[in-house]
Amino acid sequence: MNIEKELRRNVKELQTQLQRAYERIKVLEEEIHAQNKREFYNDYFSKSKSGMSGWDMMDDPPEYVKKLVDELGKPEDNQ
């Protein structure tokens, strides 16, 4: 009887550890997915390698953006 109790306790403990491991894996996979998503959008929208960013990437920016660029200049011109 004592051995059976100990085995049941060990099984329960192992099941608990396994469940925690699955939960941790799920959290880590979600973090990896979120990080990959952020990196994709940062790479896609930054265009820092080509010197373009933000409104410069648009083929035809809105009229109000064109007016602001004419008045204020591009950000890299102000530095």
C-alpha atoms as a PDB file:
ATOM      1  CA  MET A   1       0.000   0.000   0.000  1.00  0.00           C
ATOM      2  CA  ASN A   2       2.729   2.429   0.886  1.00  0.00           C
ATOM      3  CA  ILE A   3       4.468   1.844  -2.465  1.00  0.00           C
ATOM      4  CA  GLU A   4       1.218   2.406  -4.347  1.00  0.00           C
ATOM      5  CA  LYS A   5       0.666   5.753  -2.589  1.00  0.00           C
ATOM      6  CA  GLU A   6       4.206   6.834  -3.369  1.00  0.00           C
ATOM      7  CA  LEU A   7       3.822   5.857  -7.028  1.00  0.00           C
ATOM      8  CA  ARG A   8       0.535   7.772  -7.304  1.00  0.00           C
ATOM      9  CA  ARG A   9       2.141  10.815  -5.707  1.00  0.00           C
ATOM     10  CA  ASN A  10       5.085  10.584  -8.127  1.00  0.00           C
ATOM     11  CA  VAL A  11       2.736  10.284 -11.104  1.00  0.00           C
ATOM     12  CA  LYS A  12       0.732  13.293  -9.932  1.00  0.00           C
ATOM     13  CA  GLU A  13       3.914  15.308  -9.415  1.00  0.00           C
ATOM     14  CA  LEU A  14       5.191  14.386 -12.880  1.00  0.00           C
ATOM     15  CA  GLN A  15       1.846  15.316 -14.433  1.00  0.00           C
ATOM     16  CA  THR A  16       1.996  18.679 -12.700  1.00  0.00           C
ATOM     17  CA  GLN A  17       5.537  19.287 -13.964  1.00  0.00           C
ATOM     18  CA  LEU A  18       4.505  18.274 -17.471  1.00  0.00           C
ATOM     19  CA  GLN A  19       1.532  20.642 -17.396  1.00  0.00           C
ATOM     20  CA  ARG A  20       3.771  23.522 -16.235  1.00  0.00           C
ATOM     21  CA  ALA A  21       6.233  22.694 -19.007  1.00  0.00           C
ATOM     22  CA  TYR A  22       3.446  22.784 -21.629  1.00  0.00           C
ATOM     23  CA  GLU A  23       2.245  26.144 -20.285  1.00  0.00           C
ATOM     24  CA  ARG A  24       5.789  27.538 -20.361  1.00  0.00           C
ATOM     25  CA  ILE A  25       6.308  26.277 -23.930  1.00  0.00           C
ATOM     26  CA  LYS A  26       3.062  27.958 -24.974  1.00  0.00           C
ATOM     27  CA  VAL A  27       4.137  31.277 -23.430  1.00  0.00           C
ATOM     28  CA  LEU A  28       7.564  31.070 -25.079  1.00  0.00           C
ATOM     29  CA  GLU A  29       6.038  30.248 -28.475  1.00  0.00           C
ATOM     30  CA  GLU A  30       3.709  33.247 -28.158  1.00  0.00           C
ATOM     31  CA  GLU A  31       6.661  35.483 -27.254  1.00  0.00           C
ATOM     32  CA  ILE A  32       8.651  34.184 -30.229  1.00  0.00           C
ATOM     33  CA  HIS A  33       5.684  34.746 -32.531  1.00  0.00           C
ATOM     34  CA  ALA A  34       5.185  38.290 -31.235  1.00  0.00           C
ATOM     35  CA  GLN A  35       8.898  39.065 -31.597  1.00  0.00           C
ATOM     36  CA  ASN A  36       8.996  37.693 -35.157  1.00  0.00           C
ATOM     37  CA  LYS A  37       5.922  39.735 -36.018  1.00  0.00           C
ATOM     38  CA  ARG A  38       7.503  42.920 -34.589  1.00  0.00           C
ATOM     39  CA  GLU A  39      10.751  42.280 -36.460  1.00  0.00           C
ATOM     40  CA  PHE A  40       8.884  41.655 -39.714  1.00  0.00           C
ATOM     41  CA  TYR A  41       6.917  44.891 -39.464  1.00  0.00           C
ATOM     42  CA  ASN A  42       9.957  46.854 -38.303  1.00  0.00           C
ATOM     43  CA  ASP A  43      12.001  45.547 -41.228  1.00  0.00           C
ATOM     44  CA  TYR A  44       9.165  45.995 -43.693  1.00  0.00           C
ATOM     45  CA  PHE A  45       8.239  49.538 -42.700  1.00  0.00           C
ATOM     46  CA  SER A  46      11.563  50.996 -41.619  1.00  0.00           C
ATOM     47  CA  LYS A  47      13.405  50.798 -44.953  1.00  0.00           C
ATOM     48  CA  SER A  48      16.341  52.274 -43.042  1.00  0.00           C
ATOM     49  CA  LYS A  49      18.828  50.588 -45.369  1.00  0.00           C
ATOM     50  CA  SER A  50      17.517  52.553 -48.337  1.00  0.00           C
ATOM     51  CA  GLY A  51      17.306  55.817 -46.416  1.00  0.00           C
ATOM     52  CA  MET A  52      13.530  55.903 -46.643  1.00  0.00           C
ATOM     53  CA  SER A  53      11.059  55.817 -43.810  1.00  0.00           C
ATOM     54  CA  GLY A  54       7.498  56.738 -42.965  1.00  0.00           C
ATOM     55  CA  TRP A  55       5.717  58.865 -45.548  1.00  0.00           C
ATOM     56  CA  ASP A  56       8.668  58.619 -47.944  1.00  0.00           C
ATOM     57  CA  MET A  57       7.732  55.013 -48.616  1.00  0.00           C
ATOM     58  CA  MET A  58       4.288  55.936 -49.913  1.00  0.00           C
ATOM     59  CA  ASP A  59       3.940  56.260 -53.668  1.00  0.00           C
ATOM     60  CA  ASP A  60       1.580  59.199 -53.354  1.00  0.00           C
ATOM     61  CA  PRO A  61       1.381  60.634 -49.819  1.00  0.00           C
ATOM     62  CA  PRO A  62      -1.696  62.643 -48.803  1.00  0.00           C
ATOM     63  CA  GLU A  63      -1.776  66.304 -49.764  1.00  0.00           C
ATOM     64  CA  TYR A  64      -1.427  67.513 -46.166  1.00  0.00           C
ATOM     65  CA  VAL A  65       1.796  65.524 -45.840  1.00  0.00           C
ATOM     66  CA  LYS A  66       3.196  67.077 -49.007  1.00  0.00           C
ATOM     67  CA  LYS A  67       2.422  70.563 -47.638  1.00  0.00           C
ATOM     68  CA  LEU A  68       4.112  69.798 -44.326  1.00  0.00           C
ATOM     69  CA  VAL A  69       7.194  68.434 -46.059  1.00  0.00           C
ATOM     70  CA  ASP A  70       7.372  71.581 -48.194  1.00  0.00           C
ATOM     71  CA  GLU A  71       7.034  73.826 -45.124  1.00  0.00           C
ATOM     72  CA  LEU A  72       9.222  71.928 -42.674  1.00  0.00           C
ATOM     73  CA  GLY A  73      11.499  69.859 -44.853  1.00  0.00           C
ATOM     74  CA  LYS A  74      12.273  66.192 -44.467  1.00  0.00           C
ATOM     75  CA  PRO A  75      13.454  64.957 -41.040  1.00  0.00           C
ATOM     76  CA  GLU A  76      16.924  64.093 -42.300  1.00  0.00           C
ATOM     77  CA  ASP A  77      17.280  67.664 -43.665  1.00  0.00           C
ATOM     78  CA  ASN A  78      16.648  69.095 -40.171  1.00  0.00           C
ATOM     79  CA  GLN A  79      19.427  67.190 -38.446  1.00  0.00           C
END
